[in-house]
Amino acid sequence: MKVIFTGRHVEVSDALRDFAEERIEKMTSYLDDLIDVHVTLSVEKHRHAAEVSIKTRGGDFLASTETDDMYASLSQALDKLETQAHKHAGKRQATFKNGARELVPAEAAE
């Protein structure tokens, strides 16, 4: 997994990097193989924006937020990604279960 950090008008500190990487590591348990993660942090006047893009084998996920605090923005964006990932994992399991029922012949099930 490759994590790329980009700062627009802001220097990305080590603390921000560690915070984001720690939260992303927790998501690896329910996401397919993470290929690429891109974290973009930007500051415009008093608006702190965070955009996180994750590419996996199963699909792409994107979340962005804007608040007055950089850590809050990053945390909210990562929360949105977790929600998306859980929803995707649930759909994937439901599809597998439904598909598995259709593949089993009626005689073999008895």
Protein backbone atom coordinates (compact mmCIF):
# COMPACT_ATOMS: atom_id res chain seq x y z
CA MET A 1 0.00 0.00 0.00
CA LYS A 2 1.33 3.36 -1.04
CA VAL A 3 0.17 6.48 0.83
CA ILE A 4 0.76 9.83 -0.88
CA PHE A 5 0.33 13.09 1.04
CA THR A 6 -0.16 16.42 -0.75
CA GLY A 7 -0.35 19.76 1.01
CA ARG A 8 -1.80 22.80 -0.72
CA HIS A 9 -0.71 25.98 1.06
CA VAL A 10 0.12 23.90 4.12
CA GLU A 11 3.06 21.81 5.27
CA VAL A 12 1.99 18.25 6.10
CA SER A 13 3.42 17.51 9.54
CA ASP A 14 4.58 14.13 10.78
CA ALA A 15 1.76 14.11 13.34
CA LEU A 16 -0.84 14.50 10.57
CA ARG A 17 0.85 11.73 8.57
CA ASP A 18 0.88 9.37 11.55
CA PHE A 19 -2.75 10.17 12.38
CA ALA A 20 -3.93 9.43 8.83
CA GLU A 21 -1.80 6.31 8.36
CA GLU A 22 -2.99 4.85 11.66
CA ARG A 23 -6.65 5.31 10.69
CA ILE A 24 -6.05 3.91 7.19
CA GLU A 25 -4.34 0.82 8.62
CA LYS A 26 -7.51 0.04 10.59
CA MET A 27 -9.51 -0.02 7.34
CA THR A 28 -7.35 -2.71 5.76
CA SER A 29 -9.21 -5.43 7.69
CA TYR A 30 -12.45 -4.97 5.74
CA LEU A 31 -11.20 -3.58 2.42
CA ASP A 32 -9.70 -5.60 -0.40
CA ASP A 33 -6.05 -5.09 -1.21
CA LEU A 34 -5.33 -1.38 -0.89
CA ILE A 35 -3.44 -0.28 -3.97
CA ASP A 36 -3.11 3.47 -3.56
CA VAL A 37 -4.13 6.06 -0.98
CA HIS A 38 -3.94 9.78 -1.74
CA VAL A 39 -4.47 12.32 1.05
CA THR A 40 -4.78 15.98 0.01
CA LEU A 41 -4.79 18.67 2.71
CA SER A 42 -5.41 22.33 1.90
CA VAL A 43 -5.87 25.61 3.73
CA GLU A 44 -7.69 28.66 2.41
CA LYS A 45 -8.09 31.46 4.94
CA HIS A 46 -9.88 29.73 7.87
CA ARG A 47 -11.09 26.70 5.91
CA HIS A 48 -9.15 23.49 6.39
CA ALA A 49 -10.05 20.89 3.79
CA ALA A 50 -9.13 17.22 3.64
CA GLU A 51 -9.70 14.90 0.69
CA VAL A 52 -8.89 11.21 0.86
CA SER A 53 -8.96 8.90 -2.14
CA ILE A 54 -8.50 5.14 -1.83
CA LYS A 55 -8.06 2.71 -4.72
CA THR A 56 -8.63 -0.98 -4.08
CA ARG A 57 -9.15 -4.10 -6.16
CA GLY A 58 -12.89 -3.83 -5.55
CA GLY A 59 -13.35 -0.14 -6.38
CA ASP A 60 -12.46 3.44 -5.62
CA PHE A 61 -13.56 5.44 -2.59
CA LEU A 62 -13.43 9.23 -2.19
CA ALA A 63 -14.34 11.51 0.71
CA SER A 64 -13.73 15.19 1.35
CA THR A 65 -14.62 17.53 4.20
CA GLU A 66 -14.02 21.12 5.23
CA THR A 67 -13.91 22.50 8.80
CA ASP A 68 -11.98 25.03 10.90
CA ASP A 69 -9.53 22.39 12.18
CA MET A 70 -7.27 20.18 10.05
CA TYR A 71 -7.48 17.16 12.37
CA ALA A 72 -11.29 17.40 12.43
CA SER A 73 -11.41 17.59 8.63
CA LEU A 74 -9.14 14.60 8.24
CA SER A 75 -11.04 12.62 10.87
CA GLN A 76 -14.42 13.32 9.25
CA ALA A 77 -13.14 12.37 5.80
CA LEU A 78 -11.75 9.09 7.13
CA ASP A 79 -15.06 8.41 8.94
CA LYS A 80 -16.89 8.86 5.63
CA LEU A 81 -14.49 6.42 3.97
CA GLU A 82 -15.07 3.85 6.72
CA THR A 83 -18.81 4.13 6.16
CA GLN A 84 -18.37 3.64 2.41
CA ALA A 85 -16.06 0.68 2.94
CA HIS A 86 -18.44 -1.04 5.40
CA LYS A 87 -21.32 -0.56 2.97
CA HIS A 88 -19.26 -1.99 0.11
CA ALA A 89 -18.16 -4.98 2.21
CA GLY A 90 -21.78 -5.69 3.19
CA LYS A 91 -22.92 -5.60 -0.43
CA ARG A 92 -20.09 -7.92 -1.41
CA GLN A 93 -21.05 -10.46 1.27
CA ALA A 94 -24.76 -10.30 0.35
CA THR A 95 -23.94 -10.90 -3.31
CA PHE A 96 -21.79 -13.89 -2.41
CA LYS A 97 -24.49 -15.39 -0.19
CA ASN A 98 -27.20 -14.91 -2.82
CA GLY A 99 -24.97 -16.30 -5.55
CA ALA A 100 -24.00 -19.32 -3.45
CA ARG A 101 -27.67 -20.25 -2.93
CA GLU A 102 -28.31 -20.21 -6.65
CA LEU A 103 -25.33 -22.43 -7.44
CA VAL A 104 -26.44 -25.26 -5.12
CA PRO A 105 -28.83 -27.68 -6.91
CA ALA A 106 -32.09 -28.48 -5.06
CA GLU A 107 -31.27 -32.22 -4.84
CA ALA A 108 -27.88 -31.58 -3.22
CA ALA A 109 -29.36 -29.23 -0.63
CA GLU A 110 -31.62 -31.97 0.82
